[in-house]
N, C-alpha and C. Protein backbone atom coordinates (compact mmCIF):
# COMPACT_ATOMS: atom_id res chain seq x y z
N MET A 1 -29.68 -59.80 26.20
CA MET A 1 -28.60 -61.22 25.28
C MET A 1 -27.85 -60.69 24.62
N LEU A 2 -27.52 -59.38 23.94
CA LEU A 2 -26.78 -58.83 22.89
C LEU A 2 -25.83 -58.78 24.53
N GLU A 3 -25.51 -58.53 25.23
CA GLU A 3 -25.08 -58.01 26.09
C GLU A 3 -24.44 -59.40 26.60
N LEU A 4 -24.84 -60.62 26.73
CA LEU A 4 -24.39 -61.91 27.17
C LEU A 4 -23.53 -62.43 26.35
N LEU A 5 -23.79 -61.93 24.69
CA LEU A 5 -22.62 -62.27 23.35
C LEU A 5 -21.69 -61.74 23.65
N LYS A 6 -21.46 -60.58 24.31
CA LYS A 6 -20.24 -59.44 24.25
C LYS A 6 -19.91 -59.91 25.35
N LYS A 7 -20.37 -60.63 26.27
CA LYS A 7 -19.58 -60.70 27.18
C LYS A 7 -18.81 -62.53 27.29
N SER A 8 -19.78 -63.01 26.37
CA SER A 8 -18.93 -64.34 25.99
C SER A 8 -17.82 -63.88 25.21
N LEU A 9 -18.06 -63.28 24.10
CA LEU A 9 -16.66 -62.87 23.36
C LEU A 9 -15.60 -62.25 23.82
N MET A 10 -16.02 -61.40 24.75
CA MET A 10 -14.55 -60.96 25.50
C MET A 10 -13.87 -61.64 26.50
N ALA A 11 -14.66 -62.71 27.36
CA ALA A 11 -14.05 -64.09 27.90
C ALA A 11 -13.41 -65.09 27.08
N GLY A 12 -14.02 -65.10 25.66
CA GLY A 12 -12.91 -65.66 24.44
C GLY A 12 -11.85 -65.19 24.26
N LEU A 13 -11.74 -63.71 24.25
CA LEU A 13 -10.37 -63.17 24.08
C LEU A 13 -9.42 -63.37 25.19
N GLY A 14 -10.32 -62.98 26.01
CA GLY A 14 -9.61 -63.12 27.38
C GLY A 14 -8.51 -64.86 27.12
N ALA A 15 -9.16 -65.44 27.00
CA ALA A 15 -9.01 -66.84 26.72
C ALA A 15 -8.15 -66.83 25.65
N VAL A 16 -7.99 -66.35 24.57
CA VAL A 16 -6.70 -65.95 23.71
C VAL A 16 -5.56 -65.76 23.91
N VAL A 17 -6.08 -64.64 24.72
CA VAL A 17 -4.79 -63.39 25.32
C VAL A 17 -4.14 -64.68 26.15
N ILE A 18 -4.73 -65.19 27.12
CA ILE A 18 -4.12 -66.29 28.25
C ILE A 18 -3.29 -67.52 26.81
N THR A 19 -3.74 -68.17 26.40
CA THR A 19 -3.46 -68.97 25.37
C THR A 19 -2.20 -68.70 24.91
N ARG A 20 -2.09 -67.53 24.33
CA ARG A 20 -0.60 -66.82 23.74
C ARG A 20 0.28 -66.72 24.93
N ASP A 21 -0.21 -66.34 25.81
CA ASP A 21 0.78 -66.18 26.60
C ASP A 21 1.34 -67.42 27.41
N LYS A 22 0.47 -68.17 27.54
CA LYS A 22 1.09 -69.59 28.20
C LYS A 22 1.70 -70.40 26.84
N VAL A 23 1.36 -70.38 25.71
CA VAL A 23 2.32 -70.43 24.17
C VAL A 23 3.73 -70.42 24.36
N ARG A 24 3.77 -68.87 24.40
CA ARG A 24 5.23 -68.34 24.71
C ARG A 24 6.08 -68.38 26.09
N GLU A 25 5.18 -69.11 27.00
CA GLU A 25 5.81 -69.43 28.39
C GLU A 25 6.13 -71.24 28.03
N VAL A 26 5.22 -71.98 27.62
CA VAL A 26 5.94 -72.67 27.01
C VAL A 26 7.47 -73.84 26.28
N THR A 27 7.36 -72.36 25.30
CA THR A 27 8.45 -72.27 23.96
C THR A 27 9.26 -71.98 24.63
N ARG A 28 9.34 -71.21 25.96
CA ARG A 28 10.46 -70.39 26.62
C ARG A 28 11.52 -71.28 27.23
N THR A 29 10.63 -72.22 28.18
CA THR A 29 10.84 -73.31 28.66
C THR A 29 11.81 -74.29 27.92
N LEU A 30 10.94 -74.47 27.25
CA LEU A 30 11.69 -76.10 25.98
C LEU A 30 13.06 -75.35 25.39
N VAL A 31 13.21 -74.03 24.97
CA VAL A 31 14.61 -72.94 24.90
C VAL A 31 15.26 -73.30 25.82
N ASP A 32 14.71 -72.97 27.03
CA ASP A 32 15.93 -73.11 28.28
C ASP A 32 16.36 -74.49 27.92
N GLU A 33 15.40 -75.40 28.31
CA GLU A 33 16.13 -76.90 28.33
C GLU A 33 16.61 -77.01 27.35
N GLY A 34 16.84 -76.64 26.11
CA GLY A 34 17.53 -77.03 25.55
C GLY A 34 16.75 -77.95 23.78
N LYS A 35 15.75 -78.16 24.35
CA LYS A 35 14.79 -78.99 23.52
C LYS A 35 14.70 -78.50 22.32
N MET A 36 14.34 -77.41 22.20
CA MET A 36 14.43 -76.57 21.42
C MET A 36 15.34 -75.12 20.70
N SER A 37 15.30 -75.00 19.48
CA SER A 37 15.95 -73.47 19.31
C SER A 37 14.75 -72.45 19.47
N THR A 38 15.59 -71.09 19.75
CA THR A 38 15.21 -70.50 19.86
C THR A 38 13.90 -69.41 18.14
N ASP A 39 14.74 -69.56 16.93
CA ASP A 39 13.42 -69.90 16.03
C ASP A 39 12.64 -70.84 15.92
N GLU A 40 12.77 -72.17 16.14
CA GLU A 40 12.18 -72.97 16.24
C GLU A 40 10.68 -72.83 17.26
N ALA A 41 11.38 -72.16 18.40
CA ALA A 41 10.33 -72.02 19.15
C ALA A 41 9.06 -70.95 18.58
N GLU A 42 10.12 -69.72 18.43
CA GLU A 42 9.61 -68.53 17.47
C GLU A 42 8.04 -69.07 16.78
N LYS A 43 8.54 -69.97 15.62
CA LYS A 43 8.22 -70.75 14.53
C LYS A 43 7.14 -71.21 15.49
N PHE A 44 7.24 -72.05 16.04
CA PHE A 44 5.93 -72.89 16.66
C PHE A 44 4.90 -72.17 17.39
N ALA A 45 5.25 -71.10 18.25
CA ALA A 45 4.31 -70.16 19.07
C ALA A 45 3.53 -69.27 17.77
N ASP A 46 4.48 -68.71 17.18
CA ASP A 46 3.64 -68.23 15.95
C ASP A 46 2.45 -68.78 15.48
N ASP A 47 2.91 -70.55 15.09
CA ASP A 47 1.90 -71.38 14.39
C ASP A 47 0.81 -71.48 15.41
N LEU A 48 1.26 -71.74 16.40
CA LEU A 48 0.06 -72.26 17.30
C LEU A 48 -0.87 -70.83 17.85
N VAL A 49 -0.52 -70.02 17.82
CA VAL A 49 -0.78 -68.56 18.08
C VAL A 49 -1.98 -68.36 16.52
N LYS A 50 -1.59 -68.24 15.33
CA LYS A 50 -2.34 -68.00 14.07
C LYS A 50 -3.52 -69.26 13.88
N SER A 51 -3.01 -70.27 14.70
CA SER A 51 -3.99 -71.52 14.27
C SER A 51 -5.30 -71.25 15.18
N GLY A 52 -4.39 -70.93 16.73
CA GLY A 52 -5.55 -70.54 17.75
C GLY A 52 -6.47 -69.49 17.37
N GLU A 53 -6.07 -68.64 16.52
CA GLU A 53 -7.01 -67.02 16.36
C GLU A 53 -7.50 -67.32 14.53
N ARG A 54 -7.39 -68.24 14.39
CA ARG A 54 -8.60 -68.73 12.71
C ARG A 54 -9.60 -69.51 13.24
N GLU A 55 -8.92 -70.28 14.77
CA GLU A 55 -9.91 -71.51 15.13
C GLU A 55 -11.21 -70.30 15.77
N TRP A 56 -10.45 -69.12 16.70
CA TRP A 56 -11.32 -68.22 17.77
C TRP A 56 -12.15 -67.84 16.45
N GLU A 57 -11.72 -67.04 15.04
CA GLU A 57 -12.57 -66.24 14.16
C GLU A 57 -13.72 -66.87 13.68
N ASP A 58 -13.23 -68.30 13.58
CA ASP A 58 -14.13 -69.54 12.84
C ASP A 58 -15.48 -69.43 13.94
N ILE A 59 -14.83 -69.88 15.70
CA ILE A 59 -16.25 -70.07 16.15
C ILE A 59 -16.98 -68.43 16.36
N ASN A 60 -16.28 -67.68 16.16
CA ASN A 60 -16.88 -66.26 16.16
C ASN A 60 -17.94 -65.89 15.53
N SER A 61 -17.74 -66.26 14.49
CA SER A 61 -18.75 -66.37 12.94
C SER A 61 -19.85 -67.14 12.91
N LYS A 62 -19.49 -68.44 13.32
CA LYS A 62 -20.55 -69.71 13.60
C LYS A 62 -21.57 -68.71 14.72
N LEU A 63 -20.58 -68.12 15.97
CA LEU A 63 -21.38 -67.74 16.95
C LEU A 63 -22.59 -66.68 16.89
N GLN A 64 -22.05 -65.54 15.68
CA GLN A 64 -22.78 -64.60 15.11
C GLN A 64 -23.92 -64.73 14.28
N SER A 65 -23.19 -66.00 13.47
CA SER A 65 -24.76 -66.59 12.87
C SER A 65 -25.83 -67.12 13.14
N THR A 66 -25.45 -67.81 14.43
CA THR A 66 -26.38 -68.72 15.28
C THR A 66 -26.74 -67.64 16.21
N ALA A 67 -27.18 -66.98 16.25
CA ALA A 67 -27.28 -65.68 17.34
C ALA A 67 -28.02 -64.91 16.52
N LYS A 68 -27.69 -64.45 15.13
CA LYS A 68 -28.82 -64.02 14.23
C LYS A 68 -29.54 -64.08 13.58
N LYS A 69 -29.88 -65.79 13.50
CA LYS A 69 -30.46 -66.78 13.54
C LYS A 69 -32.13 -67.10 14.57
N TRP A 70 -31.11 -67.05 15.62
CA TRP A 70 -31.88 -66.83 16.82
C TRP A 70 -32.52 -66.10 16.98
N SER A 71 -32.35 -65.12 17.12
CA SER A 71 -32.60 -63.35 16.92
C SER A 71 -33.89 -63.22 16.33
N ASP A 72 -33.41 -63.76 15.11
CA ASP A 72 -34.78 -63.61 13.71
C ASP A 72 -35.87 -64.21 14.36
N ASN A 73 -35.42 -65.49 14.48
CA ASN A 73 -36.74 -66.68 15.13
C ASN A 73 -37.54 -65.60 16.08
N MET A 74 -36.69 -65.54 17.01
CA MET A 74 -37.11 -64.11 18.20
C MET A 74 -38.12 -63.46 17.67
N GLU A 75 -38.33 -62.99 16.79
CA GLU A 75 -38.32 -61.77 16.05
C GLU A 75 -38.87 -60.37 17.12
N VAL A 76 -37.07 -60.55 17.70
CA VAL A 76 -37.00 -59.19 18.77
C VAL A 76 -37.12 -58.00 17.96
N VAL A 77 -38.07 -57.08 18.44
CA VAL A 77 -37.88 -55.53 18.06
C VAL A 77 -36.57 -54.92 18.42
N ARG A 78 -36.08 -54.12 17.64
CA ARG A 78 -35.19 -52.90 18.29
C ARG A 78 -35.31 -51.86 18.80
N LYS A 79 -35.07 -51.32 19.94
CA LYS A 79 -35.63 -50.42 20.89
C LYS A 79 -36.03 -49.16 20.00
N LYS A 80 -34.76 -48.43 19.18
CA LYS A 80 -35.03 -47.76 18.10
C LYS A 80 -36.54 -48.04 17.69
N ASP A 81 -36.50 -49.06 16.80
CA ASP A 81 -38.04 -49.50 16.11
C ASP A 81 -39.53 -49.24 17.37
N LEU A 82 -38.84 -50.18 18.57
CA LEU A 82 -40.21 -49.86 19.87
C LEU A 82 -40.51 -48.07 20.01
N GLN A 83 -39.68 -47.56 20.00
CA GLN A 83 -39.21 -45.77 20.30
C GLN A 83 -40.52 -45.67 19.71
N ASP A 84 -39.56 -45.52 18.12
CA ASP A 84 -40.57 -45.19 16.68
C ASP A 84 -41.67 -45.31 16.90
N LEU A 85 -42.39 -46.63 17.07
CA LEU A 85 -44.05 -46.88 17.18
C LEU A 85 -44.49 -46.39 18.15
N HIS A 86 -44.18 -46.12 19.46
CA HIS A 86 -44.27 -45.70 20.83
C HIS A 86 -44.21 -43.79 20.16
N ALA A 87 -43.83 -43.47 19.85
CA ALA A 87 -44.13 -41.83 19.19
C ALA A 87 -45.03 -41.32 18.48
N LYS A 88 -44.60 -42.89 17.39
CA LYS A 88 -46.66 -42.87 16.46
C LYS A 88 -48.12 -42.53 16.87
N LEU A 89 -47.54 -43.62 17.90
CA LEU A 89 -48.93 -43.70 19.04
C LEU A 89 -49.15 -42.65 19.71
N GLU A 90 -48.45 -42.41 20.18
CA GLU A 90 -48.85 -40.66 20.96
C GLU A 90 -49.39 -39.73 20.07
N LEU A 91 -48.55 -39.83 19.03
CA LEU A 91 -49.21 -38.82 17.89
C LEU A 91 -50.11 -38.83 17.51
N MET A 92 -50.88 -40.48 17.13
CA MET A 92 -52.33 -40.87 16.95
C MET A 92 -53.17 -40.35 18.09
N GLU A 93 -52.85 -40.54 19.39
CA GLU A 93 -53.67 -40.33 20.41
C GLU A 93 -54.13 -38.74 20.79
N GLN A 94 -52.97 -38.28 20.23
CA GLN A 94 -53.50 -36.60 20.07
C GLN A 94 -54.03 -36.09 18.75
N ARG A 95 -53.93 -36.81 18.25
CA ARG A 95 -55.31 -36.31 17.19
C ARG A 95 -56.48 -36.67 17.13
N LEU A 96 -56.59 -38.03 17.66
CA LEU A 96 -57.86 -38.31 18.24
C LEU A 96 -58.34 -37.48 19.03
N ARG A 97 -58.14 -36.87 20.17
CA ARG A 97 -57.99 -36.34 20.80
C ARG A 97 -58.65 -34.93 20.54
N THR A 98 -57.41 -34.51 19.47
CA THR A 98 -57.94 -33.21 18.97
C THR A 98 -59.50 -33.21 18.10
N LEU A 99 -59.68 -34.54 17.53
CA LEU A 99 -60.97 -34.54 16.47
C LEU A 99 -62.08 -35.06 17.73
N GLU A 100 -61.80 -35.40 18.35
CA GLU A 100 -62.84 -35.81 19.48
C GLU A 100 -63.53 -34.48 20.13
N GLU A 101 -62.33 -33.33 20.94
CA GLU A 101 -63.00 -32.44 20.77
C GLU A 101 -63.49 -31.36 20.14
N ALA A 102 -63.20 -31.25 19.06
CA ALA A 102 -63.80 -30.81 17.85
C ALA A 102 -65.09 -31.46 17.51
N ARG A 103 -65.56 -32.21 17.69
CA ARG A 103 -66.63 -33.09 17.62
C ARG A 103 -67.86 -33.06 18.82
N ARG A 104 -67.12 -32.40 19.90
CA ARG A 104 -67.85 -31.95 21.12
C ARG A 104 -68.31 -30.67 21.03
N GLY A 105 -67.67 -29.86 20.37
CA GLY A 105 -67.80 -28.58 20.17
C GLY A 105 -68.40 -28.12 19.06
N GLU A 106 -68.86 -29.54 18.14
CA GLU A 106 -69.78 -28.96 17.12
C GLU A 106 -71.06 -29.33 17.71
N SER A 107 -70.84 -30.33 18.07
CA SER A 107 -72.41 -30.97 18.77
C SER A 107 -72.80 -30.04 20.00
N SER A 108 -71.95 -29.76 20.89
CA SER A 108 -72.78 -28.30 21.63
C SER A 108 -73.18 -27.07 20.54
N ASP A 109 -72.70 -26.75 19.29
CA ASP A 109 -73.16 -25.90 18.90
C ASP A 109 -74.16 -26.11 18.30
N ALA A 110 -74.80 -27.14 17.66
CA ALA A 110 -76.06 -27.21 17.17
C ALA A 110 -77.07 -26.91 17.39
N PRO A 111 -77.99 -26.57 16.95
CA PRO A 111 -79.18 -25.81 17.36
C PRO A 111 -79.95 -27.23 17.96
N GLY A 112 -80.90 -27.06 19.31
CA GLY A 112 -81.78 -27.32 20.12
C GLY A 112 -80.36 -27.93 21.38
N HIS A 113 -78.96 -27.52 21.30
CA HIS A 113 -78.59 -27.68 22.76
C HIS A 113 -78.48 -26.89 22.92
């Protein structure tokens, strides 16, 4: 799940970079065609890129919020928590074996056996 989110975010970042490059390419073309001054083109490109970045941050925030709600509802266990629980279970099993062995030793020492 987390890996899928990471891949989605990275794909989105790639799209942002491509979009920024495309905006700059289009504005350069408009300047070359005389439809826009260099200053206008730079301002226009910066405004579009900043707007896109704000949109991306908003989408990213909503995605993270949705993913957290989803994982909370799924009651997903973190790997470290599971490893800690496994270690505690192994320790309890070891203690139980020790107690059982001690009990067998006591019963074989009892009179009549």
